[in-house]
Amino acid sequence: MLLLAAVTPLLTGLAVAAAPTAIAQPAALSGKTTEFSVLGADGASLKSVQDAVRAAGGTVVRSNAAVGLVTATAPRNGFSERLSGSHAVLAAAPVTVIGHNPKSSPGKPAVEKGRSGTRSAKVAKSKAGMDPLDSELWGLTSVRSDLARTKQAGNKKVKVGIIDTGVDGTHPDIAPNFDMADSRNFVRDIPFDELGQVVDGPCEFAGCVDPANWDDGAHGTHVAGTIAAAANGVGISGVAPNVTLVNIRAGQDSGFFFLQPTVDALTYAGDASIDVVNMSFYVDPWLFNCDNNPADTPEQQAEQRVVKTAMTRAMNYAYNHGVTQLVALGNEHEDLGNPLPDEGSPDYPANTAHDRTIDPNTCLTMPTEGPHSIGVGSFGPSQSKADYSNYGMEQISVSAPGGWFRDYFGTPRFRTNENEILSAYPKHIGIEEGNIDENGDITPDGVALGVQKACNSDGVCGYYQYLQGTSMATPHATGVAALIISQYGRFHGKNVTMSPDKVQSVLEGTAAKVPCPTPRTVDYLDEGRDASFTATCEGDLNFNDFYGHGAVDAWAAVTRGQQYL
C-alpha cells in the first residue's frame, strides 16, 4: 500500500492553551444525555478542548492527549451547535459504535464455518521445532515459517500488539508468550446501549471490565495464535513462535469498536514500545467514512470526519513511535479503488442504513486506508484470491493465507474445513457455541466444524477452530513482520527498534511474486457466488491488485531481507 503523507503531531497536554474563546449559545441543551466524541482543532491544546466542552455544557469523561480526542457527556440536542463556536474544536459527533471485526459483520457472506463430515481430530507426530497440529496449518507452510524458524524463530524482546476483541492469555499455546503486565483492556462491556439494543449482553466480571487476558469474541485469540502460538510440543505453533504477545483490547465482546478505545489502543502501542500491531478490524458504522456525502445528514458527515481525522492522527502517532501497522484489507469482495455503492452504512443503530455512492477520493475505510498501513489481502490453499477478499492497486501491500472454504472447486477438498485457517479457540467460547461440552470434550457439532483438542503431559488442554477471512491473512503477515524485526532490529536493553518503513520494505521486497490469474477476470460463479464477487486482476508480476508485492515469505525475509534495508 502506498503510504499517505504524515500529519504533523498535534495536541499535547503540554501545549500552551489559546485564550478562552467565547462560545455562542445557539440552542438550549435538551434531550437524553449521551456521549460525544469531540476532536480538537490542529494546534489546539487538550486543555482548550476540555474547556470548550465544559463551556458548552458538557462533562469530560476521558481524553487522549496524543490525538486530541475527548469523550464527553451532554444532552443530545444543542451541544454540537454550541461547540461549533469554539476555535479549539474541529468537530463533534454523538458516539455510536464505530467498528467490528470481519468475523461478526452483519450481512457479510465472507466468513463461513463449514461442515465436512465427522472428521476426527487426529494428531500427527511432532517434528523438531514444530508442534503436533502444525500439519494442519497449510498457512504456516505457505509462508515458510517452518524453514524460517531454523534460522530465526523470533525474539522475546519483540512485542506484538493484538488490537482486537481480546486475547485468551490462559490458552496453553498462548500463555508461554503472553505479556500480562503490558496488556491493556480499553473497553467496558455494554449490556445494552441507550436505545435498549443488546450490545455485549450480560457482564461476565464485576464492574463490567474484563481482565486483560480475556476474550469473549474468540477473534483476537485466533489472530494471536496464528502470530505467535508457542512451539511447546503441544497443539499448534505460530509464524513467529518466540515473540511476545500483548493484548491491546479495543473491541467489545460483540466485536464492535468505539472510537475512543481504538484510538487509545493505538497511542498506547506507541507509548509502550510495541513493535508491531495487528488490526484485523475495520471502522464502522460507516464502511466508508466520507467527508461530505450528500446522502448523509450533517451530523452523520461530522461523525465520519471525526473518525477519519482521529484515526489518522492515532496511526501517525503510532508510526512516529516506531509501530509497524498491519491491517486487514476487508471482506467485502470489492476493489477499494473503485468501490461499489455502500448499501449497509451506517450499520448501527439498527435499521438506519441507506444507499450511498462512494467517492474514493473523499471516502476512506479505516484503518485500511489510513497512513502507514500495510494492507493484507487473502488467498486460499491453492493460492487463488479468496472470493471475499477486498483488493485494489492503491491499498494492497502484500497477500497471505487467509483461508477459503470454497477453494478447489470440482475436487473433494471443495467446501472443507481444511481450506480454512486453524488457530487457538477459547474454551469458554467453545462451550457457549456448543462445540465443546462441560467435560471438555468436543461435541458432534464441534467435530463437524473441525474443532481440535490437544493436551499436554499435565492434562492441560487447548482448543482450536477453523476460520477464514482477511482477519486470518493479516496475522500471517504480522508474524513475518515480527521475524523481520527480530532478525534486523536494533536491540537496546529490554527493547528493540526498527523503522516501520524498513520493516515494510523487507516484507514487500521478500514476498513471493504471484502473477494475475489467466484469464484475469475471475467470476466465482462455480463456487456459488453471485456476479458481485467477480473481480479483474490489474498489474503485473511485480505488483498487482490481487496479491500486491506478493505472498509473504518468512524464510526469504530472514535470509534475504538485508538487501532491502
Protein backbone atom coordinates (compact mmCIF):
# COMPACT_ATOMS: atom_id res chain seq x y z
CA MET A 1 0.00 0.00 0.00
CA LEU A 2 1.20 3.48 -0.80
CA LEU A 3 1.87 5.47 2.34
CA LEU A 4 -0.08 8.67 2.82
CA ALA A 5 1.57 11.89 3.86
CA ALA A 6 2.16 12.14 7.60
CA VAL A 7 0.20 14.67 9.60
CA THR A 8 2.19 16.90 11.94
CA PRO A 9 1.73 15.66 15.54
CA LEU A 10 -0.97 17.65 17.31
CA LEU A 11 -2.35 18.32 20.70
CA THR A 12 -0.27 17.50 23.70
CA GLY A 13 -1.16 18.13 27.27
CA LEU A 14 1.84 20.46 27.48
CA ALA A 15 0.78 22.73 24.64
CA VAL A 16 0.11 26.35 25.53
CA ALA A 17 -3.62 26.94 25.64
CA ALA A 18 -5.10 29.61 23.45
CA ALA A 19 -7.03 32.43 25.05
CA PRO A 20 -10.53 31.33 26.07
CA THR A 21 -12.92 31.52 23.16
CA ALA A 22 -16.42 32.81 23.63
CA ILE A 23 -18.85 30.10 22.61
CA ALA A 24 -22.14 31.02 21.07
CA GLN A 25 -25.28 29.54 22.61
CA PRO A 26 -27.44 28.90 19.52
CA ALA A 27 -29.76 26.42 21.16
CA ALA A 28 -30.78 25.22 24.58
CA LEU A 29 -29.48 21.84 25.60
CA SER A 30 -32.18 19.21 25.63
CA GLY A 31 -32.79 15.54 25.13
CA LYS A 32 -31.34 12.43 26.68
CA THR A 33 -27.76 12.69 27.93
CA THR A 34 -25.38 10.84 25.61
CA GLU A 35 -21.67 10.58 24.85
CA PHE A 36 -19.97 12.74 22.25
CA SER A 37 -16.60 12.40 20.53
CA VAL A 38 -15.04 15.86 20.47
CA LEU A 39 -11.96 16.30 18.28
CA GLY A 40 -9.63 19.23 18.81
CA ALA A 41 -8.54 21.54 16.01
CA ASP A 42 -4.98 21.43 14.68
CA GLY A 43 -2.64 23.09 17.14
CA ALA A 44 -5.19 23.35 19.94
CA SER A 45 -4.16 22.21 23.41
CA LEU A 46 -6.03 19.43 25.13
CA LYS A 47 -6.95 21.82 27.92
CA SER A 48 -8.57 24.24 25.47
CA VAL A 49 -10.69 21.41 24.04
CA GLN A 50 -11.73 20.31 27.52
CA ASP A 51 -12.55 23.92 28.45
CA ALA A 52 -14.68 24.24 25.32
CA VAL A 53 -16.59 21.08 26.24
CA ARG A 54 -17.33 22.40 29.72
CA ALA A 55 -18.28 25.85 28.45
CA ALA A 56 -20.76 24.24 26.06
CA GLY A 57 -22.45 22.44 28.93
CA GLY A 58 -20.73 19.08 28.62
CA THR A 59 -18.81 16.89 31.07
CA VAL A 60 -15.39 15.49 30.16
CA VAL A 61 -15.35 11.70 30.62
CA ARG A 62 -11.90 10.82 29.26
CA SER A 63 -9.30 12.27 26.93
CA ASN A 64 -6.47 11.23 24.64
CA ALA A 65 -3.84 13.96 24.56
CA ALA A 66 -1.86 12.38 21.72
CA VAL A 67 -4.79 12.64 19.33
CA GLY A 68 -6.80 15.45 20.88
CA LEU A 69 -9.89 13.33 21.29
CA VAL A 70 -12.23 14.00 24.20
CA THR A 71 -15.20 11.86 25.14
CA ALA A 72 -17.85 13.98 26.81
CA THR A 73 -21.41 13.61 28.04
CA ALA A 74 -24.12 16.18 27.34
CA PRO A 75 -27.77 16.41 26.35
CA ARG A 76 -28.03 15.21 22.78
CA ASN A 77 -29.60 18.36 21.31
CA GLY A 78 -27.70 21.64 21.11
CA PHE A 79 -24.29 20.52 22.36
CA SER A 80 -22.63 20.21 18.94
CA GLU A 81 -24.04 23.58 17.89
CA ARG A 82 -22.58 25.25 20.96
CA LEU A 83 -19.16 23.70 20.31
CA SER A 84 -19.17 24.99 16.74
CA GLY A 85 -18.33 28.45 18.05
CA SER A 86 -15.02 27.30 19.57
CA HIS A 87 -11.79 27.61 17.57
CA ALA A 88 -10.36 24.81 19.74
CA VAL A 89 -12.79 22.22 18.34
CA LEU A 90 -12.59 20.71 14.86
CA ALA A 91 -15.72 18.56 15.07
CA ALA A 92 -18.04 16.81 17.49
CA ALA A 93 -20.44 13.93 16.98
CA PRO A 94 -22.60 11.69 19.17
CA VAL A 95 -20.84 8.44 19.99
CA THR A 96 -22.04 5.36 18.16
CA VAL A 97 -20.40 2.01 17.66
CA ILE A 98 -17.72 2.59 15.05
CA GLY A 99 -16.33 -0.80 14.19
CA HIS A 100 -16.39 -4.55 14.39
CA ASN A 101 -14.19 -7.32 13.16
CA PRO A 102 -14.99 -9.06 9.88
CA LYS A 103 -15.92 -12.28 11.70
CA SER A 104 -19.02 -10.72 13.19
CA SER A 105 -20.01 -8.40 10.36
CA PRO A 106 -23.78 -8.47 9.90
CA GLY A 107 -24.88 -9.35 6.41
CA LYS A 108 -21.37 -10.16 5.21
CA PRO A 109 -21.07 -13.55 3.48
CA ALA A 110 -17.31 -13.81 3.83
CA VAL A 111 -16.62 -15.89 6.91
CA GLU A 112 -18.05 -19.37 6.80
CA LYS A 113 -17.87 -22.24 9.22
CA GLY A 114 -18.03 -25.31 7.06
CA ARG A 115 -19.06 -28.86 7.78
CA SER A 116 -17.01 -31.58 6.18
CA GLY A 117 -18.48 -34.57 7.95
CA THR A 118 -17.28 -36.25 11.12
CA ARG A 119 -13.55 -35.98 10.58
CA SER A 120 -11.59 -36.95 13.70
CA ALA A 121 -9.04 -34.69 15.41
CA LYS A 122 -6.06 -36.89 14.66
CA VAL A 123 -2.73 -35.52 15.88
CA ALA A 124 0.37 -36.07 13.75
CA LYS A 125 3.81 -36.74 15.21
CA SER A 126 5.79 -33.68 16.15
CA LYS A 127 8.89 -32.56 14.28
CA ALA A 128 11.83 -30.62 15.70
CA GLY A 129 10.79 -27.04 16.17
CA MET A 130 7.21 -27.81 15.18
CA ASP A 131 4.07 -28.80 17.10
CA PRO A 132 1.73 -31.78 16.61
CA LEU A 133 -1.11 -29.92 14.91
CA ASP A 134 1.18 -27.90 12.63
CA SER A 135 0.49 -30.46 9.92
CA GLU A 136 -2.99 -28.91 9.79
CA LEU A 137 -1.56 -25.41 9.19
CA TRP A 138 -1.12 -25.06 5.44
CA GLY A 139 -0.74 -21.33 6.01
CA LEU A 140 2.31 -21.89 8.20
CA THR A 141 3.97 -23.84 5.40
CA SER A 142 2.83 -21.35 2.77
CA VAL A 143 4.71 -18.51 4.49
CA ARG A 144 7.65 -20.92 5.11
CA SER A 145 7.70 -20.40 8.85
CA ASP A 146 8.83 -24.00 9.23
CA LEU A 147 12.06 -23.09 7.43
CA ALA A 148 12.42 -19.61 8.88
CA ARG A 149 12.44 -20.88 12.45
CA THR A 150 15.59 -22.88 11.77
CA LYS A 151 17.31 -19.51 11.50
CA GLN A 152 15.03 -17.04 13.31
CA ALA A 153 12.01 -18.08 15.38
CA GLY A 154 11.54 -14.63 16.90
CA ASN A 155 12.97 -12.76 19.88
CA LYS A 156 11.14 -12.33 23.18
CA LYS A 157 12.01 -8.63 23.16
CA VAL A 158 9.85 -8.12 20.06
CA LYS A 159 6.35 -7.20 21.20
CA VAL A 160 3.32 -7.76 19.00
CA GLY A 161 0.15 -5.89 19.96
CA ILE A 162 -3.19 -7.53 19.21
CA ILE A 163 -5.78 -4.75 18.77
CA ASP A 164 -8.89 -6.88 18.73
CA THR A 165 -11.63 -8.40 20.91
CA GLY A 166 -9.10 -9.57 23.50
CA VAL A 167 -6.70 -12.48 23.86
CA ASP A 168 -7.16 -15.60 25.98
CA GLY A 169 -3.84 -15.38 27.81
CA THR A 170 -4.53 -18.65 29.63
CA HIS A 171 -4.66 -20.74 26.45
CA PRO A 172 -1.75 -23.23 26.72
CA ASP A 173 -0.36 -22.25 23.32
CA ILE A 174 -0.53 -18.52 24.07
CA ALA A 175 0.36 -18.37 27.78
CA PRO A 176 4.12 -19.00 27.27
CA ASN A 177 4.40 -15.88 25.08
CA PHE A 178 1.75 -13.70 26.72
CA ASP A 179 2.76 -10.47 28.47
CA MET A 180 0.09 -9.75 31.08
CA ALA A 181 1.98 -6.77 32.53
CA ASP A 182 1.90 -4.78 29.27
CA SER A 183 -1.58 -5.93 28.19
CA ARG A 184 -4.46 -3.50 28.47
CA ASN A 185 -8.23 -3.58 28.05
CA PHE A 186 -9.56 -0.22 26.88
CA VAL A 187 -13.23 -1.21 26.75
CA ARG A 188 -16.07 -1.60 29.21
CA ASP A 189 -18.72 -4.22 28.45
CA ILE A 190 -22.04 -2.70 27.42
CA PRO A 191 -25.04 -4.95 28.13
CA PHE A 192 -27.47 -2.57 26.38
CA ASP A 193 -27.00 0.71 24.57
CA GLU A 194 -29.01 3.88 25.09
CA LEU A 195 -31.59 2.65 22.56
CA GLY A 196 -32.16 -0.54 24.52
CA GLN A 197 -30.42 -2.70 21.91
CA VAL A 198 -28.23 -5.55 23.17
CA VAL A 199 -24.55 -4.81 22.52
CA ASP A 200 -22.47 -7.26 24.58
CA GLY A 201 -25.09 -8.92 26.74
CA PRO A 202 -24.61 -9.59 30.47
CA CYS A 203 -21.27 -8.61 32.02
CA GLU A 204 -19.07 -11.57 32.93
CA PHE A 205 -16.99 -9.74 35.54
CA ALA A 206 -17.76 -7.29 38.35
CA GLY A 207 -17.61 -3.74 37.10
CA CYS A 208 -18.20 -4.88 33.50
CA VAL A 209 -14.49 -4.71 32.69
CA ASP A 210 -12.90 -7.97 31.51
CA PRO A 211 -9.37 -8.88 32.62
CA ALA A 212 -6.58 -8.14 30.16
CA ASN A 213 -6.15 -11.87 29.46
CA TRP A 214 -9.77 -12.50 28.47
CA ASP A 215 -11.50 -12.80 25.10
CA ASP A 216 -15.25 -13.11 24.76
CA GLY A 217 -15.20 -12.80 20.98
CA ALA A 218 -12.69 -15.58 20.10
CA HIS A 219 -11.48 -13.48 17.15
CA GLY A 220 -8.47 -11.92 18.90
CA THR A 221 -7.33 -15.28 20.30
CA HIS A 222 -7.42 -16.84 16.83
CA VAL A 223 -5.34 -13.95 15.49
CA ALA A 224 -2.82 -14.22 18.36
CA GLY A 225 -2.38 -17.95 17.84
CA THR A 226 -1.51 -17.55 14.17
CA ILE A 227 1.07 -14.90 15.00
CA ALA A 228 2.87 -16.45 17.95
CA ALA A 229 1.45 -19.65 19.41
CA ALA A 230 4.39 -21.17 21.29
CA ALA A 231 6.35 -24.10 19.84
CA ASN A 232 5.90 -26.02 23.07
CA GLY A 233 5.30 -29.57 21.88
CA VAL A 234 1.51 -29.36 22.06
CA GLY A 235 -1.20 -28.03 19.75
CA ILE A 236 -0.04 -25.52 17.14
CA SER A 237 2.79 -23.06 16.72
CA GLY A 238 2.63 -19.58 15.23
CA VAL A 239 4.52 -17.91 12.41
CA ALA A 240 6.86 -16.28 14.96
CA PRO A 241 6.66 -18.73 17.89
CA ASN A 242 9.18 -16.97 20.16
CA VAL A 243 7.96 -13.34 20.13
CA THR A 244 5.87 -11.71 22.86
CA LEU A 245 2.11 -11.18 22.56
CA VAL A 246 0.45 -8.13 24.11
CA ASN A 247 -3.33 -7.81 24.29
CA ILE A 248 -4.33 -4.21 23.50
CA ARG A 249 -8.06 -4.66 23.51
CA ALA A 250 -10.24 -2.13 21.72
CA GLY A 251 -13.19 -4.30 20.68
CA GLN A 252 -16.37 -5.07 22.59
CA ASP A 253 -17.43 -8.67 23.28
CA SER A 254 -19.80 -8.28 20.34
CA GLY A 255 -16.95 -7.27 18.03
CA PHE A 256 -17.85 -3.58 17.83
CA PHE A 257 -15.16 -0.92 18.27
CA PHE A 258 -15.80 2.51 19.75
CA LEU A 259 -13.61 5.39 18.63
CA GLN A 260 -12.03 6.31 21.95
CA PRO A 261 -10.83 2.76 22.86
CA THR A 262 -9.48 2.22 19.35
CA VAL A 263 -7.53 5.47 19.41
CA ASP A 264 -6.36 4.75 22.96
CA ALA A 265 -5.10 1.31 21.91
CA LEU A 266 -3.08 2.74 19.01
CA THR A 267 -1.47 5.52 21.03
CA TYR A 268 -0.76 3.09 23.88
CA ALA A 269 1.09 0.89 21.41
CA GLY A 270 3.37 3.82 20.67
CA ASP A 271 3.85 4.73 24.33
CA ALA A 272 4.50 1.11 25.41
CA SER A 273 7.20 0.45 22.77
CA ILE A 274 5.10 -2.14 20.93
CA ASP A 275 6.95 -3.09 17.75
CA VAL A 276 4.11 -4.21 15.51
CA VAL A 277 0.32 -4.23 15.82
CA ASN A 278 -2.24 -6.42 14.10
CA MET A 279 -5.51 -4.69 13.22
CA SER A 280 -7.93 -7.24 11.81
CA PHE A 281 -10.95 -4.98 12.10
CA TYR A 282 -12.49 -2.16 10.17
CA VAL A 283 -14.18 1.05 11.21
CA ASP A 284 -17.96 1.27 11.47
CA PRO A 285 -20.78 2.20 11.49
CA TRP A 286 -19.63 3.51 8.12
CA LEU A 287 -17.92 1.05 5.82
CA PHE A 288 -16.51 4.15 4.13
CA ASN A 289 -16.04 7.34 6.14
CA CYS A 290 -16.81 10.23 3.79
CA ASP A 291 -16.25 13.95 4.21
CA ASN A 292 -19.50 15.32 2.82
CA ASN A 293 -21.54 12.56 1.25
CA PRO A 294 -24.83 14.18 0.10
CA ALA A 295 -26.80 11.11 1.19
CA ASP A 296 -25.79 11.70 4.83
CA THR A 297 -27.12 14.21 7.33
CA PRO A 298 -24.81 16.98 8.61
CA GLU A 299 -24.49 15.08 11.91
CA GLN A 300 -23.52 11.88 10.06
CA GLN A 301 -20.99 13.78 7.98
CA ALA A 302 -19.43 15.21 11.13
CA GLU A 303 -19.25 11.74 12.69
CA GLN A 304 -17.33 10.38 9.70
CA ARG A 305 -14.91 13.31 9.66
CA VAL A 306 -14.18 12.72 13.35
CA VAL A 307 -13.44 9.04 12.69
CA LYS A 308 -11.17 9.77 9.72
CA THR A 309 -9.22 12.52 11.44
CA ALA A 310 -8.88 10.83 14.83
CA MET A 311 -7.76 7.52 13.32
CA THR A 312 -5.32 9.32 11.02
CA ARG A 313 -3.79 11.10 14.00
CA ALA A 314 -3.58 7.90 16.03
CA MET A 315 -1.94 5.96 13.19
CA ASN A 316 0.56 8.75 12.63
CA TYR A 317 1.31 8.80 16.36
CA ALA A 318 1.95 5.05 16.40
CA TYR A 319 4.15 5.28 13.30
CA ASN A 320 6.18 8.14 14.76
CA HIS A 321 6.78 5.97 17.83
CA GLY A 322 8.10 3.06 15.75
CA VAL A 323 5.00 0.87 15.49
CA THR A 324 4.59 -1.16 12.30
CA GLN A 325 0.87 -1.45 11.48
CA LEU A 326 -0.58 -4.48 9.67
CA VAL A 327 -4.25 -4.19 8.68
CA ALA A 328 -6.82 -6.50 7.12
CA LEU A 329 -7.90 -5.38 3.66
CA GLY A 330 -11.51 -6.35 4.39
CA ASN A 331 -14.04 -8.96 3.33
CA GLU A 332 -16.45 -7.01 1.12
CA HIS A 333 -15.12 -8.57 -2.13
CA GLU A 334 -14.61 -5.22 -3.82
CA ASP A 335 -11.95 -3.09 -5.44
CA LEU A 336 -11.24 -0.43 -2.82
CA GLY A 337 -10.01 1.92 -5.51
CA ASN A 338 -13.35 1.70 -7.30
CA PRO A 339 -15.86 0.85 -4.56
CA LEU A 340 -19.39 -0.29 -5.17
CA PRO A 341 -22.31 1.70 -3.75
CA ASP A 342 -22.46 1.35 0.01
CA GLU A 343 -25.85 -0.07 0.95
CA GLY A 344 -25.09 -1.16 4.50
CA SER A 345 -23.95 2.01 6.28
CA PRO A 346 -24.47 3.00 8.94
CA ASP A 347 -24.91 -0.49 10.34
CA TYR A 348 -25.51 0.91 13.82
CA PRO A 349 -28.04 1.78 15.16
CA ALA A 350 -30.11 -0.95 13.56
CA ASN A 351 -32.24 -0.13 10.53
CA THR A 352 -30.52 3.19 9.76
CA ALA A 353 -28.56 2.15 6.65
CA HIS A 354 -29.17 3.99 3.39
CA ASP A 355 -27.73 3.82 -0.12
CA ARG A 356 -24.63 5.92 -0.77
CA THR A 357 -22.44 6.45 -3.80
CA ILE A 358 -18.79 6.29 -2.71
CA ASP A 359 -16.15 8.70 -3.95
CA PRO A 360 -12.77 7.03 -3.30
CA ASN A 361 -11.09 10.44 -3.21
CA THR A 362 -13.09 11.62 -0.19
CA CYS A 363 -14.21 8.35 1.42
CA LEU A 364 -11.88 6.02 3.31
CA THR A 365 -12.32 2.69 5.04
CA MET A 366 -10.30 2.82 8.23
CA PRO A 367 -7.73 1.76 9.29
CA THR A 368 -7.08 0.01 5.96
CA GLU A 369 -6.69 3.30 4.09
CA GLY A 370 -5.09 5.20 6.93
CA PRO A 371 -1.47 6.44 6.83
CA HIS A 372 1.37 3.94 7.15
CA SER A 373 -0.95 0.93 6.98
CA ILE A 374 0.31 -2.29 5.42
CA GLY A 375 -2.79 -3.75 3.78
CA VAL A 376 -3.07 -7.54 3.56
CA GLY A 377 -5.23 -9.45 1.10
CA SER A 378 -6.25 -13.09 1.43
CA PHE A 379 -5.79 -16.25 -0.59
CA GLY A 380 -6.78 -19.90 -0.15
CA PRO A 381 -4.61 -23.04 -0.09
CA SER A 382 -4.44 -23.12 -3.91
CA GLN A 383 -3.11 -19.52 -3.71
CA SER A 384 -6.22 -18.30 -5.53
CA LYS A 385 -7.53 -14.96 -4.29
CA ALA A 386 -10.29 -15.73 -1.80
CA ASP A 387 -13.67 -14.73 -3.16
CA TYR A 388 -14.42 -12.49 -0.17
CA SER A 389 -11.11 -10.62 -0.10
CA ASN A 390 -11.00 -6.94 -0.97
CA TYR A 391 -8.30 -5.85 -3.40
CA GLY A 392 -7.04 -2.69 -5.07
CA MET A 393 -3.88 -1.14 -6.51
CA GLU A 394 -3.91 1.78 -4.07
CA GLN A 395 -4.49 -0.18 -0.87
CA ILE A 396 -2.88 -3.63 -1.01
CA SER A 397 0.71 -4.20 0.11
CA VAL A 398 1.02 -7.99 0.35
CA SER A 399 -1.14 -11.09 0.46
CA ALA A 400 -1.19 -14.01 2.88
CA PRO A 401 -3.05 -17.23 3.72
CA GLY A 402 -6.50 -16.30 4.99
CA GLY A 403 -8.40 -19.45 4.13
CA TRP A 404 -11.07 -20.06 1.54
CA PHE A 405 -13.73 -22.63 2.33
CA ARG A 406 -14.77 -22.82 -1.34
CA ASP A 407 -11.30 -23.39 -2.76
CA TYR A 408 -10.56 -26.38 -5.01
CA PHE A 409 -13.92 -26.41 -6.79
CA GLY A 410 -14.52 -29.74 -8.51
CA THR A 411 -12.36 -31.74 -6.09
CA PRO A 412 -13.06 -33.49 -2.77
CA ARG A 413 -11.41 -30.55 -0.97
CA PHE A 414 -14.15 -28.11 -2.07
CA ARG A 415 -16.07 -26.72 0.93
CA THR A 416 -13.93 -28.42 3.57
CA ASN A 417 -12.73 -27.08 6.90
CA GLU A 418 -9.12 -27.77 5.99
CA ASN A 419 -9.25 -24.98 3.41
CA GLU A 420 -9.58 -22.52 6.29
CA ILE A 421 -7.11 -21.45 8.99
CA LEU A 422 -6.78 -23.39 12.24
CA SER A 423 -5.83 -21.43 15.34
CA ALA A 424 -6.46 -21.02 19.06
CA TYR A 425 -10.02 -21.11 20.42
CA PRO A 426 -11.02 -20.04 23.96
CA LYS A 427 -12.61 -22.98 25.76
CA HIS A 428 -15.43 -20.95 27.29
CA ILE A 429 -16.46 -19.67 23.85
CA GLY A 430 -16.44 -23.23 22.53
CA ILE A 431 -18.76 -24.24 25.34
CA GLU A 432 -21.08 -21.28 24.68
CA GLU A 433 -21.21 -22.11 20.98
CA GLY A 434 -21.96 -25.78 21.67
CA ASN A 435 -18.74 -27.09 20.14
CA ILE A 436 -17.24 -28.21 23.47
CA ASP A 437 -19.19 -29.78 26.34
CA GLU A 438 -18.81 -29.09 30.05
CA ASN A 439 -16.45 -32.05 30.39
CA GLY A 440 -14.10 -30.53 27.84
CA ASP A 441 -14.95 -32.99 25.08
CA ILE A 442 -15.64 -31.89 21.52
CA THR A 443 -19.33 -32.25 20.65
CA PRO A 444 -20.61 -33.70 17.36
CA ASP A 445 -21.21 -30.14 16.14
CA GLY A 446 -17.62 -29.26 17.04
CA VAL A 447 -16.27 -32.33 15.25
CA ALA A 448 -18.22 -31.40 12.12
CA LEU A 449 -16.66 -27.93 12.24
CA GLY A 450 -13.17 -29.38 12.64
CA VAL A 451 -12.63 -28.19 16.24
CA GLN A 452 -9.43 -29.71 17.60
CA LYS A 453 -8.22 -30.54 21.12
CA ALA A 454 -4.67 -31.06 22.32
CA CYS A 455 -3.47 -31.71 25.89
CA ASN A 456 -0.03 -31.53 27.47
CA SER A 457 1.50 -34.03 29.88
CA ASP A 458 -0.06 -32.20 32.84
CA GLY A 459 -3.54 -32.67 31.41
CA VAL A 460 -3.95 -29.00 30.42
CA CYS A 461 -5.86 -28.86 27.15
CA GLY A 462 -6.09 -26.29 24.40
CA TYR A 463 -8.74 -25.98 21.72
CA TYR A 464 -8.54 -24.83 18.12
CA GLN A 465 -11.03 -23.80 15.45
CA TYR A 466 -11.07 -23.13 11.72
CA LEU A 467 -11.92 -19.64 10.43
CA GLN A 468 -11.36 -17.69 7.23
CA GLY A 469 -11.08 -14.02 6.33
CA THR A 470 -8.59 -11.24 5.76
CA SER A 471 -8.53 -11.30 9.57
CA MET A 472 -6.75 -14.63 9.25
CA ALA A 473 -4.40 -13.44 6.48
CA THR A 474 -3.18 -10.39 8.36
CA PRO A 475 -1.67 -12.27 11.35
CA HIS A 476 0.42 -14.37 8.96
CA ALA A 477 1.94 -11.13 7.65
CA THR A 478 2.22 -9.74 11.18
CA GLY A 479 4.16 -12.82 12.24
CA VAL A 480 6.59 -12.35 9.36
CA ALA A 481 6.99 -8.67 10.32
CA ALA A 482 7.84 -9.77 13.87
CA LEU A 483 10.52 -12.11 12.50
CA ILE A 484 11.94 -9.26 10.41
CA ILE A 485 12.26 -7.07 13.50
CA SER A 486 13.79 -9.97 15.42
CA GLN A 487 16.38 -10.51 12.69
CA TYR A 488 17.28 -6.94 11.72
CA GLY A 489 16.11 -4.72 14.59
CA ARG A 490 18.45 -2.77 16.89
CA PHE A 491 18.40 -4.03 20.45
CA HIS A 492 18.60 -1.61 23.36
CA GLY A 493 18.34 -3.29 26.74
CA LYS A 494 14.81 -4.63 27.04
CA ASN A 495 13.65 -3.00 23.81
CA VAL A 496 14.21 -3.43 20.10
CA THR A 497 13.65 -0.79 17.44
CA MET A 498 13.25 -0.87 13.68
CA SER A 499 11.75 1.75 11.41
CA PRO A 500 8.27 0.73 10.21
CA ASP A 501 9.33 1.79 6.71
CA LYS A 502 12.25 -0.65 6.80
CA VAL A 503 10.02 -3.45 8.08
CA GLN A 504 7.63 -2.79 5.22
CA SER A 505 10.48 -2.68 2.70
CA VAL A 506 11.73 -6.12 3.76
CA LEU A 507 8.21 -7.57 3.97
CA GLU A 508 7.33 -6.40 0.47
CA GLY A 509 10.76 -6.96 -1.06
CA THR A 510 10.99 -10.60 0.02
CA ALA A 511 7.37 -11.51 -0.76
CA ALA A 512 7.00 -14.30 -3.32
CA LYS A 513 5.76 -12.87 -6.61
CA VAL A 514 2.32 -14.11 -7.63
CA PRO A 515 1.01 -13.29 -11.13
CA CYS A 516 -2.52 -12.38 -12.06
CA PRO A 517 -4.63 -15.43 -12.94
CA THR A 518 -5.36 -16.41 -16.54
CA PRO A 519 -7.85 -15.19 -17.52
CA ARG A 520 -7.52 -12.07 -15.42
CA THR A 521 -11.25 -11.90 -14.65
CA VAL A 522 -12.47 -14.40 -12.05
CA ASP A 523 -16.22 -14.79 -11.56
CA TYR A 524 -16.56 -17.32 -8.66
CA LEU A 525 -19.89 -18.46 -10.10
CA ASP A 526 -18.95 -22.14 -9.92
CA GLU A 527 -18.19 -21.65 -6.24
CA GLY A 528 -21.74 -20.46 -5.65
CA ARG A 529 -21.15 -16.71 -5.52
CA ASP A 530 -23.15 -14.11 -7.43
CA ALA A 531 -21.84 -11.67 -10.03
CA SER A 532 -20.93 -9.05 -7.42
CA PHE A 533 -17.93 -11.21 -6.47
CA THR A 534 -16.46 -11.06 -10.00
CA ALA A 535 -13.02 -9.44 -9.91
CA THR A 536 -10.46 -8.47 -12.55
CA CYS A 537 -6.77 -8.53 -11.68
CA GLU A 538 -4.75 -5.50 -12.78
CA GLY A 539 -0.99 -5.05 -12.73
CA ASP A 540 1.95 -7.34 -13.40
CA LEU A 541 4.14 -9.89 -11.67
CA ASN A 542 5.97 -7.26 -9.65
CA PHE A 543 2.78 -5.69 -8.30
CA ASN A 544 -0.91 -6.36 -8.88
CA ASP A 545 -4.15 -5.61 -7.11
CA PHE A 546 -4.88 -9.23 -6.10
CA TYR A 547 -1.56 -10.00 -4.39
CA GLY A 548 0.24 -6.67 -4.04
CA HIS A 549 4.01 -7.24 -3.93
CA GLY A 550 3.34 -10.95 -3.45
CA ALA A 551 2.74 -13.61 -0.81
CA VAL A 552 4.61 -13.02 2.44
CA ASP A 553 7.63 -15.30 2.87
CA ALA A 554 9.19 -15.71 6.33
CA TRP A 555 12.19 -17.71 5.10
CA ALA A 556 13.11 -15.18 2.42
CA ALA A 557 12.55 -12.34 4.90
CA VAL A 558 15.05 -13.63 7.46
CA THR A 559 17.63 -14.83 4.94
CA ARG A 560 17.49 -12.21 2.17
CA GLY A 561 15.99 -9.20 3.88
CA GLN A 562 19.24 -7.31 4.38
CA GLN A 563 19.30 -6.15 0.77
CA TYR A 564 16.05 -4.24 1.27
CA LEU A 565 17.26 -2.19 4.23
